[in-house]
Amino acid sequence: MSPDLKHAERRKRVLRATIEIGFIVFLFYSNLLMGEFTRVNGQGKSFAFAIEDIFTPANFVIAIGCALVGYQMIEYLRKQL
């Protein structure tokens, strides 16, 4: 295999992983956002308040950690099938 093909294959795998991890993070945050509006629907609860409430450093670390674990599980299952 030529170096160009190896580079293209590696780039393709990295792009695929980035997209899958990004999608898992998106699902995590959308789930948090839905929970903010169904759990506490008090007066003065705005979209901006909900966004501010869910985008915290702790939630980001959890989202990335879960996304990496989820990606590894998906790759394992993909290889098994």
C-alpha atoms as a PDB file:
ATOM      1  CA  MET A   1       0.000   0.000   0.000  1.00  0.00           C
ATOM      2  CA  SER A   2       1.401   3.367  -0.953  1.00  0.00           C
ATOM      3  CA  PRO A   3       1.959   6.105   1.653  1.00  0.00           C
ATOM      4  CA  ASP A   4      -0.774   8.234   0.060  1.00  0.00           C
ATOM      5  CA  LEU A   5      -3.330   5.452   0.463  1.00  0.00           C
ATOM      6  CA  LYS A   6      -2.290   4.865   4.084  1.00  0.00           C
ATOM      7  CA  HIS A   7      -2.618   8.584   4.793  1.00  0.00           C
ATOM      8  CA  ALA A   8      -6.040   8.724   3.126  1.00  0.00           C
ATOM      9  CA  GLU A   9      -7.229   5.674   5.075  1.00  0.00           C
ATOM     10  CA  ARG A  10      -6.022   7.118   8.390  1.00  0.00           C
ATOM     11  CA  ARG A  11      -7.666  10.450   7.617  1.00  0.00           C
ATOM     12  CA  LYS A  12     -10.908   8.656   6.763  1.00  0.00           C
ATOM     13  CA  ARG A  13     -10.860   6.741  10.083  1.00  0.00           C
ATOM     14  CA  VAL A  14     -10.167   9.925  12.079  1.00  0.00           C
ATOM     15  CA  LEU A  15     -12.953  11.804  10.298  1.00  0.00           C
ATOM     16  CA  ARG A  16     -15.383   8.947  10.911  1.00  0.00           C
ATOM     17  CA  ALA A  17     -14.462   8.803  14.618  1.00  0.00           C
ATOM     18  CA  THR A  18     -14.841  12.573  14.947  1.00  0.00           C
ATOM     19  CA  ILE A  19     -18.282  12.506  13.352  1.00  0.00           C
ATOM     20  CA  GLU A  20     -19.481   9.604  15.501  1.00  0.00           C
ATOM     21  CA  ILE A  21     -18.151  11.134  18.727  1.00  0.00           C
ATOM     22  CA  GLY A  22     -19.674  14.500  17.796  1.00  0.00           C
ATOM     23  CA  PHE A  23     -23.028  12.854  17.193  1.00  0.00           C
ATOM     24  CA  ILE A  24     -22.941  11.146  20.598  1.00  0.00           C
ATOM     25  CA  VAL A  25     -22.100  14.488  22.262  1.00  0.00           C
ATOM     26  CA  PHE A  26     -24.980  16.109  20.360  1.00  0.00           C
ATOM     27  CA  LEU A  27     -27.382  13.448  21.620  1.00  0.00           C
ATOM     28  CA  PHE A  28     -26.106  13.926  25.178  1.00  0.00           C
ATOM     29  CA  TYR A  29     -26.680  17.678  25.136  1.00  0.00           C
ATOM     30  CA  SER A  30     -30.054  17.427  23.403  1.00  0.00           C
ATOM     31  CA  ASN A  31     -31.146  14.960  26.078  1.00  0.00           C
ATOM     32  CA  LEU A  32     -30.005  17.368  28.810  1.00  0.00           C
ATOM     33  CA  LEU A  33     -31.852  20.242  27.128  1.00  0.00           C
ATOM     34  CA  MET A  34     -35.080  18.257  26.899  1.00  0.00           C
ATOM     35  CA  GLY A  35     -34.708  17.318  30.555  1.00  0.00           C
ATOM     36  CA  GLU A  36     -34.321  20.957  31.554  1.00  0.00           C
ATOM     37  CA  PHE A  37     -37.705  21.806  30.081  1.00  0.00           C
ATOM     38  CA  THR A  38     -39.598  18.735  31.256  1.00  0.00           C
ATOM     39  CA  ARG A  39     -38.155  18.521  34.775  1.00  0.00           C
ATOM     40  CA  VAL A  40     -38.590  22.133  35.839  1.00  0.00           C
ATOM     41  CA  ASN A  41     -40.926  24.233  33.785  1.00  0.00           C
ATOM     42  CA  GLY A  42     -41.033  27.154  36.185  1.00  0.00           C
ATOM     43  CA  GLN A  43     -41.821  30.735  35.451  1.00  0.00           C
ATOM     44  CA  GLY A  44     -38.899  32.638  33.988  1.00  0.00           C
ATOM     45  CA  LYS A  45     -37.365  29.486  32.533  1.00  0.00           C
ATOM     46  CA  SER A  46     -36.048  30.590  29.176  1.00  0.00           C
ATOM     47  CA  PHE A  47     -34.048  28.870  26.467  1.00  0.00           C
ATOM     48  CA  ALA A  48     -31.018  30.998  27.342  1.00  0.00           C
ATOM     49  CA  PHE A  49     -31.269  29.967  30.997  1.00  0.00           C
ATOM     50  CA  ALA A  50     -31.480  26.283  30.015  1.00  0.00           C
ATOM     51  CA  ILE A  51     -28.458  26.580  27.711  1.00  0.00           C
ATOM     52  CA  GLU A  52     -26.471  28.292  30.447  1.00  0.00           C
ATOM     53  CA  ASP A  53     -27.511  25.600  32.907  1.00  0.00           C
ATOM     54  CA  ILE A  54     -26.433  22.607  30.772  1.00  0.00           C
ATOM     55  CA  PHE A  55     -23.207  23.876  29.172  1.00  0.00           C
ATOM     56  CA  THR A  56     -20.895  23.477  32.145  1.00  0.00           C
ATOM     57  CA  PRO A  57     -17.340  22.112  32.290  1.00  0.00           C
ATOM     58  CA  ALA A  58     -18.539  19.083  34.259  1.00  0.00           C
ATOM     59  CA  ASN A  59     -21.180  18.244  31.654  1.00  0.00           C
ATOM     60  CA  PHE A  60     -18.619  18.658  28.882  1.00  0.00           C
ATOM     61  CA  VAL A  61     -16.216  16.211  30.543  1.00  0.00           C
ATOM     62  CA  ILE A  62     -19.044  13.725  31.042  1.00  0.00           C
ATOM     63  CA  ALA A  63     -20.180  14.139  27.423  1.00  0.00           C
ATOM     64  CA  ILE A  64     -16.699  13.562  25.998  1.00  0.00           C
ATOM     65  CA  GLY A  65     -16.050  10.613  28.309  1.00  0.00           C
ATOM     66  CA  CYS A  66     -19.335   8.953  27.437  1.00  0.00           C
ATOM     67  CA  ALA A  67     -18.830   9.653  23.745  1.00  0.00           C
ATOM     68  CA  LEU A  68     -15.408   7.993  23.768  1.00  0.00           C
ATOM     69  CA  VAL A  69     -16.754   4.939  25.593  1.00  0.00           C
ATOM     70  CA  GLY A  70     -19.742   4.799  23.249  1.00  0.00           C
ATOM     71  CA  TYR A  71     -17.507   5.071  20.204  1.00  0.00           C
ATOM     72  CA  GLN A  72     -15.312   2.217  21.456  1.00  0.00           C
ATOM     73  CA  MET A  73     -18.395   0.058  22.029  1.00  0.00           C
ATOM     74  CA  ILE A  74     -19.722   0.807  18.553  1.00  0.00           C
ATOM     75  CA  GLU A  75     -16.365  -0.036  16.976  1.00  0.00           C
ATOM     76  CA  TYR A  76     -16.136  -3.283  18.944  1.00  0.00           C
ATOM     77  CA  LEU A  77     -19.614  -4.326  17.839  1.00  0.00           C
ATOM     78  CA  ARG A  78     -18.902  -3.270  14.268  1.00  0.00           C
ATOM     79  CA  LYS A  79     -15.810  -5.516  14.181  1.00  0.00           C
ATOM     80  CA  GLN A  80     -17.712  -8.429  15.733  1.00  0.00           C
ATOM     81  CA  LEU A  81     -20.402  -8.364  13.058  1.00  0.00           C
END
